[in-house]
Amino acid sequence: MDIFAIRRQNLMALAGNYQSQQAFATTLDRDESQLSRYLRGKGGIGHQFARHIEKSLGLPNGWMDTIHRPGGAIDPDPLRDSLEQFISSSPSPALAATIANLLTLLSDTT
């Protein structure tokens, strides 16, 4: 899933917390037609708008870029993939080994 699909999915989930699309647009200080385009997938949510949504709703930086599972759990697969890629290309063997150990510990608990 690309970043624009993840952001759209998160925007749709957030929109579900509001009584209307207009109420959500007002909270984000955006025009309802702009919000509607994003919700319908007519354009990708860029970095600036993603950060604006997070700031407006008091969400942590990067929240819009992360796949969220029901109940608030975060999908660990993208993080695991990024860590494995870092391990294979790290110029620091000690850091790569530490991250590999952490990844193994985390994998054992999930």
N, C-alpha and C. Protein backbone atom coordinates (compact mmCIF):
# COMPACT_ATOMS: atom_id res chain seq x y z
N MET A 1 0.86 -1.17 0.00
CA MET A 1 0.00 0.00 0.00
C MET A 1 0.91 1.24 0.00
N ASP A 2 0.66 2.18 -0.90
CA ASP A 2 1.50 3.37 -0.95
C ASP A 2 1.06 4.40 0.09
N ILE A 3 1.87 5.42 0.28
CA ILE A 3 1.64 6.41 1.33
C ILE A 3 0.31 7.15 1.12
N PHE A 4 -0.08 7.38 -0.13
CA PHE A 4 -1.33 8.10 -0.39
C PHE A 4 -2.54 7.24 -0.01
N ALA A 5 -2.47 5.96 -0.25
CA ALA A 5 -3.55 5.05 0.13
C ALA A 5 -3.66 4.95 1.65
N ILE A 6 -2.51 4.90 2.33
CA ILE A 6 -2.51 4.85 3.80
C ILE A 6 -3.13 6.12 4.36
N ARG A 7 -2.72 7.26 3.84
CA ARG A 7 -3.27 8.54 4.33
C ARG A 7 -4.76 8.64 4.06
N ARG A 8 -5.19 8.19 2.91
CA ARG A 8 -6.63 8.23 2.60
C ARG A 8 -7.41 7.33 3.55
N GLN A 9 -6.90 6.13 3.79
CA GLN A 9 -7.54 5.20 4.72
C GLN A 9 -7.64 5.84 6.11
N ASN A 10 -6.59 6.48 6.56
CA ASN A 10 -6.61 7.13 7.87
C ASN A 10 -7.57 8.32 7.89
N LEU A 11 -7.61 9.08 6.80
CA LEU A 11 -8.53 10.20 6.72
C LEU A 11 -9.98 9.71 6.80
N MET A 12 -10.27 8.62 6.13
CA MET A 12 -11.62 8.06 6.17
C MET A 12 -11.98 7.60 7.59
N ALA A 13 -11.02 6.98 8.27
CA ALA A 13 -11.26 6.54 9.64
C ALA A 13 -11.52 7.75 10.54
N LEU A 14 -10.74 8.80 10.39
CA LEU A 14 -10.94 10.00 11.19
C LEU A 14 -12.28 10.66 10.90
N ALA A 15 -12.64 10.69 9.62
CA ALA A 15 -13.91 11.31 9.23
C ALA A 15 -15.09 10.61 9.88
N GLY A 16 -14.96 9.32 10.12
CA GLY A 16 -16.02 8.56 10.76
C GLY A 16 -16.32 8.99 12.19
N ASN A 17 -15.44 9.78 12.78
CA ASN A 17 -15.64 10.28 14.14
C ASN A 17 -16.48 11.56 14.20
N TYR A 18 -16.89 12.05 13.04
CA TYR A 18 -17.63 13.30 12.97
C TYR A 18 -19.04 13.06 12.44
N GLN A 19 -19.98 13.90 12.87
CA GLN A 19 -21.37 13.74 12.44
C GLN A 19 -21.55 14.02 10.96
N SER A 20 -20.70 14.87 10.42
CA SER A 20 -20.81 15.19 9.00
C SER A 20 -19.44 15.52 8.43
N GLN A 21 -19.37 15.46 7.12
CA GLN A 21 -18.15 15.83 6.43
C GLN A 21 -17.85 17.31 6.64
N GLN A 22 -18.92 18.12 6.70
CA GLN A 22 -18.75 19.55 6.93
C GLN A 22 -18.14 19.82 8.30
N ALA A 23 -18.58 19.08 9.31
CA ALA A 23 -18.02 19.26 10.66
C ALA A 23 -16.54 18.90 10.68
N PHE A 24 -16.18 17.84 9.98
CA PHE A 24 -14.78 17.42 9.91
C PHE A 24 -13.96 18.47 9.17
N ALA A 25 -14.48 18.98 8.06
CA ALA A 25 -13.78 20.01 7.29
C ALA A 25 -13.58 21.26 8.13
N THR A 26 -14.58 21.63 8.91
CA THR A 26 -14.48 22.81 9.77
C THR A 26 -13.39 22.61 10.82
N THR A 27 -13.33 21.42 11.40
CA THR A 27 -12.30 21.10 12.39
C THR A 27 -10.91 21.23 11.78
N LEU A 28 -10.78 20.83 10.52
CA LEU A 28 -9.48 20.90 9.83
C LEU A 28 -9.22 22.27 9.21
N ASP A 29 -10.20 23.17 9.32
CA ASP A 29 -10.09 24.50 8.72
C ASP A 29 -9.82 24.40 7.22
N ARG A 30 -10.58 23.54 6.57
CA ARG A 30 -10.47 23.32 5.13
C ARG A 30 -11.87 23.35 4.52
N ASP A 31 -11.90 23.59 3.23
CA ASP A 31 -13.15 23.59 2.49
C ASP A 31 -13.66 22.16 2.36
N GLU A 32 -14.96 21.98 2.50
CA GLU A 32 -15.55 20.64 2.42
C GLU A 32 -15.28 19.99 1.06
N SER A 33 -15.24 20.76 0.00
CA SER A 33 -15.00 20.17 -1.33
C SER A 33 -13.58 19.59 -1.42
N GLN A 34 -12.60 20.25 -0.80
CA GLN A 34 -11.24 19.72 -0.79
C GLN A 34 -11.21 18.40 -0.02
N LEU A 35 -11.83 18.38 1.13
CA LEU A 35 -11.87 17.16 1.94
C LEU A 35 -12.59 16.04 1.20
N SER A 36 -13.66 16.38 0.54
CA SER A 36 -14.43 15.40 -0.23
C SER A 36 -13.58 14.76 -1.33
N ARG A 37 -12.79 15.57 -2.02
CA ARG A 37 -11.91 15.04 -3.07
C ARG A 37 -10.94 14.00 -2.50
N TYR A 38 -10.34 14.33 -1.38
CA TYR A 38 -9.39 13.40 -0.76
C TYR A 38 -10.10 12.11 -0.30
N LEU A 39 -11.27 12.26 0.27
CA LEU A 39 -12.00 11.08 0.75
C LEU A 39 -12.42 10.17 -0.41
N ARG A 40 -12.68 10.75 -1.57
CA ARG A 40 -13.06 9.96 -2.75
C ARG A 40 -11.85 9.42 -3.51
N GLY A 41 -10.65 9.81 -3.07
CA GLY A 41 -9.44 9.34 -3.74
C GLY A 41 -9.09 10.14 -4.97
N LYS A 42 -9.63 11.33 -5.09
CA LYS A 42 -9.35 12.21 -6.23
C LYS A 42 -8.19 13.15 -5.87
N GLY A 43 -7.02 12.60 -5.80
CA GLY A 43 -5.84 13.36 -5.42
C GLY A 43 -5.23 12.76 -4.17
N GLY A 44 -3.92 12.82 -4.10
CA GLY A 44 -3.22 12.26 -2.95
C GLY A 44 -3.00 13.30 -1.87
N ILE A 45 -3.10 12.87 -0.63
CA ILE A 45 -2.85 13.74 0.51
C ILE A 45 -1.34 13.90 0.64
N GLY A 46 -0.88 15.12 0.42
CA GLY A 46 0.54 15.40 0.49
C GLY A 46 1.06 15.53 1.91
N HIS A 47 2.38 15.70 2.00
CA HIS A 47 3.05 15.79 3.30
C HIS A 47 2.50 16.94 4.14
N GLN A 48 2.36 18.13 3.54
CA GLN A 48 1.92 19.30 4.30
C GLN A 48 0.51 19.12 4.86
N PHE A 49 -0.41 18.59 4.04
CA PHE A 49 -1.77 18.41 4.52
C PHE A 49 -1.84 17.31 5.57
N ALA A 50 -1.04 16.26 5.40
CA ALA A 50 -1.01 15.19 6.41
C ALA A 50 -0.56 15.75 7.76
N ARG A 51 0.49 16.59 7.75
CA ARG A 51 0.96 17.17 9.01
C ARG A 51 -0.08 18.14 9.58
N HIS A 52 -0.79 18.86 8.70
CA HIS A 52 -1.84 19.78 9.14
C HIS A 52 -2.96 19.02 9.85
N ILE A 53 -3.35 17.88 9.29
CA ILE A 53 -4.40 17.06 9.91
C ILE A 53 -3.95 16.63 11.31
N GLU A 54 -2.73 16.13 11.39
CA GLU A 54 -2.20 15.67 12.69
C GLU A 54 -2.20 16.81 13.71
N LYS A 55 -1.71 17.96 13.29
CA LYS A 55 -1.64 19.10 14.20
C LYS A 55 -3.04 19.55 14.63
N SER A 56 -3.96 19.61 13.67
CA SER A 56 -5.32 20.05 13.96
C SER A 56 -6.04 19.13 14.93
N LEU A 57 -5.74 17.84 14.86
CA LEU A 57 -6.44 16.85 15.69
C LEU A 57 -5.63 16.39 16.89
N GLY A 58 -4.46 16.98 17.09
CA GLY A 58 -3.63 16.61 18.23
C GLY A 58 -3.04 15.21 18.13
N LEU A 59 -2.80 14.77 16.90
CA LEU A 59 -2.22 13.44 16.67
C LEU A 59 -0.70 13.56 16.60
N PRO A 60 0.01 12.49 16.93
CA PRO A 60 1.47 12.55 16.84
C PRO A 60 1.95 12.71 15.40
N ASN A 61 3.08 13.35 15.23
CA ASN A 61 3.67 13.53 13.91
C ASN A 61 3.90 12.17 13.26
N GLY A 62 3.43 12.01 12.03
CA GLY A 62 3.59 10.75 11.31
C GLY A 62 2.40 9.81 11.44
N TRP A 63 1.42 10.17 12.25
CA TRP A 63 0.26 9.30 12.46
C TRP A 63 -0.45 9.00 11.14
N MET A 64 -0.57 9.99 10.29
CA MET A 64 -1.28 9.80 9.02
C MET A 64 -0.53 8.86 8.08
N ASP A 65 0.76 8.65 8.31
CA ASP A 65 1.58 7.84 7.42
C ASP A 65 1.68 6.38 7.87
N THR A 66 0.98 6.03 8.93
CA THR A 66 1.09 4.70 9.52
C THR A 66 -0.22 3.95 9.38
N ILE A 67 -0.15 2.67 9.04
CA ILE A 67 -1.34 1.84 8.98
C ILE A 67 -1.77 1.54 10.42
N HIS A 68 -3.04 1.78 10.70
CA HIS A 68 -3.58 1.53 12.04
C HIS A 68 -4.56 0.39 11.98
N ARG A 69 -4.42 -0.50 12.92
CA ARG A 69 -5.35 -1.64 13.01
C ARG A 69 -6.49 -1.26 13.94
N PRO A 70 -7.62 -1.97 13.85
CA PRO A 70 -8.73 -1.71 14.78
C PRO A 70 -8.24 -1.83 16.23
N GLY A 71 -8.74 -0.94 17.07
CA GLY A 71 -8.33 -0.96 18.46
C GLY A 71 -7.06 -0.17 18.73
N GLY A 72 -6.53 0.50 17.69
CA GLY A 72 -5.38 1.37 17.88
C GLY A 72 -4.03 0.71 17.68
N ALA A 73 -4.00 -0.59 17.41
CA ALA A 73 -2.72 -1.26 17.21
C ALA A 73 -2.12 -0.83 15.87
N ILE A 74 -0.83 -0.67 15.83
CA ILE A 74 -0.13 -0.28 14.61
C ILE A 74 0.35 -1.53 13.89
N ASP A 75 0.22 -1.54 12.57
CA ASP A 75 0.69 -2.65 11.77
C ASP A 75 2.22 -2.65 11.80
N PRO A 76 2.84 -3.71 12.34
CA PRO A 76 4.30 -3.71 12.47
C PRO A 76 5.05 -4.04 11.19
N ASP A 77 4.36 -4.53 10.16
CA ASP A 77 5.05 -4.98 8.95
C ASP A 77 5.87 -3.89 8.26
N PRO A 78 5.34 -2.67 8.04
CA PRO A 78 6.18 -1.65 7.40
C PRO A 78 7.41 -1.30 8.23
N LEU A 79 7.27 -1.24 9.55
CA LEU A 79 8.41 -0.95 10.40
C LEU A 79 9.43 -2.08 10.33
N ARG A 80 8.96 -3.30 10.37
CA ARG A 80 9.85 -4.46 10.29
C ARG A 80 10.62 -4.43 8.96
N ASP A 81 9.90 -4.15 7.87
CA ASP A 81 10.55 -4.08 6.56
C ASP A 81 11.63 -3.00 6.52
N SER A 82 11.33 -1.83 7.10
CA SER A 82 12.30 -0.74 7.12
C SER A 82 13.53 -1.10 7.94
N LEU A 83 13.30 -1.74 9.08
CA LEU A 83 14.43 -2.15 9.93
C LEU A 83 15.29 -3.18 9.23
N GLU A 84 14.66 -4.15 8.57
CA GLU A 84 15.44 -5.16 7.86
C GLU A 84 16.26 -4.55 6.73
N GLN A 85 15.67 -3.57 6.05
CA GLN A 85 16.41 -2.89 4.98
C GLN A 85 17.60 -2.12 5.57
N PHE A 86 17.38 -1.46 6.71
CA PHE A 86 18.46 -0.72 7.36
C PHE A 86 19.58 -1.67 7.78
N ILE A 87 19.22 -2.80 8.37
CA ILE A 87 20.21 -3.77 8.83
C ILE A 87 21.10 -4.22 7.67
N SER A 88 20.48 -4.48 6.53
CA SER A 88 21.27 -4.99 5.40
C SER A 88 22.16 -3.93 4.76
N SER A 89 21.86 -2.64 5.01
CA SER A 89 22.66 -1.59 4.37
C SER A 89 23.40 -0.70 5.37
N SER A 90 23.35 -1.00 6.65
CA SER A 90 23.96 -0.15 7.68
C SER A 90 25.48 -0.14 7.58
N PRO A 91 26.07 1.06 7.65
CA PRO A 91 27.53 1.13 7.67
C PRO A 91 28.10 0.79 9.05
N SER A 92 27.24 0.68 10.04
CA SER A 92 27.69 0.39 11.41
C SER A 92 27.26 -1.03 11.80
N PRO A 93 28.18 -1.97 11.79
CA PRO A 93 27.83 -3.34 12.17
C PRO A 93 27.28 -3.45 13.58
N ALA A 94 27.79 -2.66 14.52
CA ALA A 94 27.32 -2.71 15.90
C ALA A 94 25.86 -2.25 16.00
N LEU A 95 25.54 -1.16 15.31
CA LEU A 95 24.16 -0.66 15.32
C LEU A 95 23.23 -1.64 14.61
N ALA A 96 23.65 -2.18 13.50
CA ALA A 96 22.84 -3.16 12.77
C ALA A 96 22.57 -4.39 13.64
N ALA A 97 23.58 -4.84 14.38
CA ALA A 97 23.40 -6.01 15.26
C ALA A 97 22.43 -5.70 16.39
N THR A 98 22.52 -4.50 16.96
CA THR A 98 21.59 -4.11 18.02
C THR A 98 20.16 -4.07 17.51
N ILE A 99 19.95 -3.48 16.35
CA ILE A 99 18.61 -3.40 15.77
C ILE A 99 18.11 -4.79 15.40
N ALA A 100 18.98 -5.64 14.89
CA ALA A 100 18.59 -7.02 14.57
C ALA A 100 18.14 -7.75 15.82
N ASN A 101 18.84 -7.56 16.93
CA ASN A 101 18.45 -8.18 18.20
C ASN A 101 17.10 -7.66 18.68
N LEU A 102 16.90 -6.36 18.57
CA LEU A 102 15.61 -5.78 18.95
C LEU A 102 14.49 -6.33 18.07
N LEU A 103 14.74 -6.41 16.80
CA LEU A 103 13.74 -6.93 15.87
C LEU A 103 13.38 -8.37 16.23
N THR A 104 14.37 -9.17 16.59
CA THR A 104 14.12 -10.55 16.99
C THR A 104 13.27 -10.61 18.25
N LEU A 105 13.60 -9.75 19.23
CA LEU A 105 12.81 -9.70 20.47
C LEU A 105 11.36 -9.29 20.19
N LEU A 106 11.19 -8.28 19.36
CA LEU A 106 9.84 -7.82 19.03
C LEU A 106 9.06 -8.88 18.27
N SER A 107 9.72 -9.59 17.38
CA SER A 107 9.05 -10.64 16.61
C SER A 107 8.60 -11.78 17.50
N ASP A 108 9.35 -12.05 18.56
CA ASP A 108 8.99 -13.12 19.49
C ASP A 108 7.77 -12.78 20.32
N THR A 109 7.46 -11.48 20.49
CA THR A 109 6.34 -11.08 21.33
C THR A 109 5.08 -10.80 20.53
N THR A 110 5.16 -10.80 19.19
CA THR A 110 3.97 -10.51 18.39
C THR A 110 3.42 -11.76 17.76
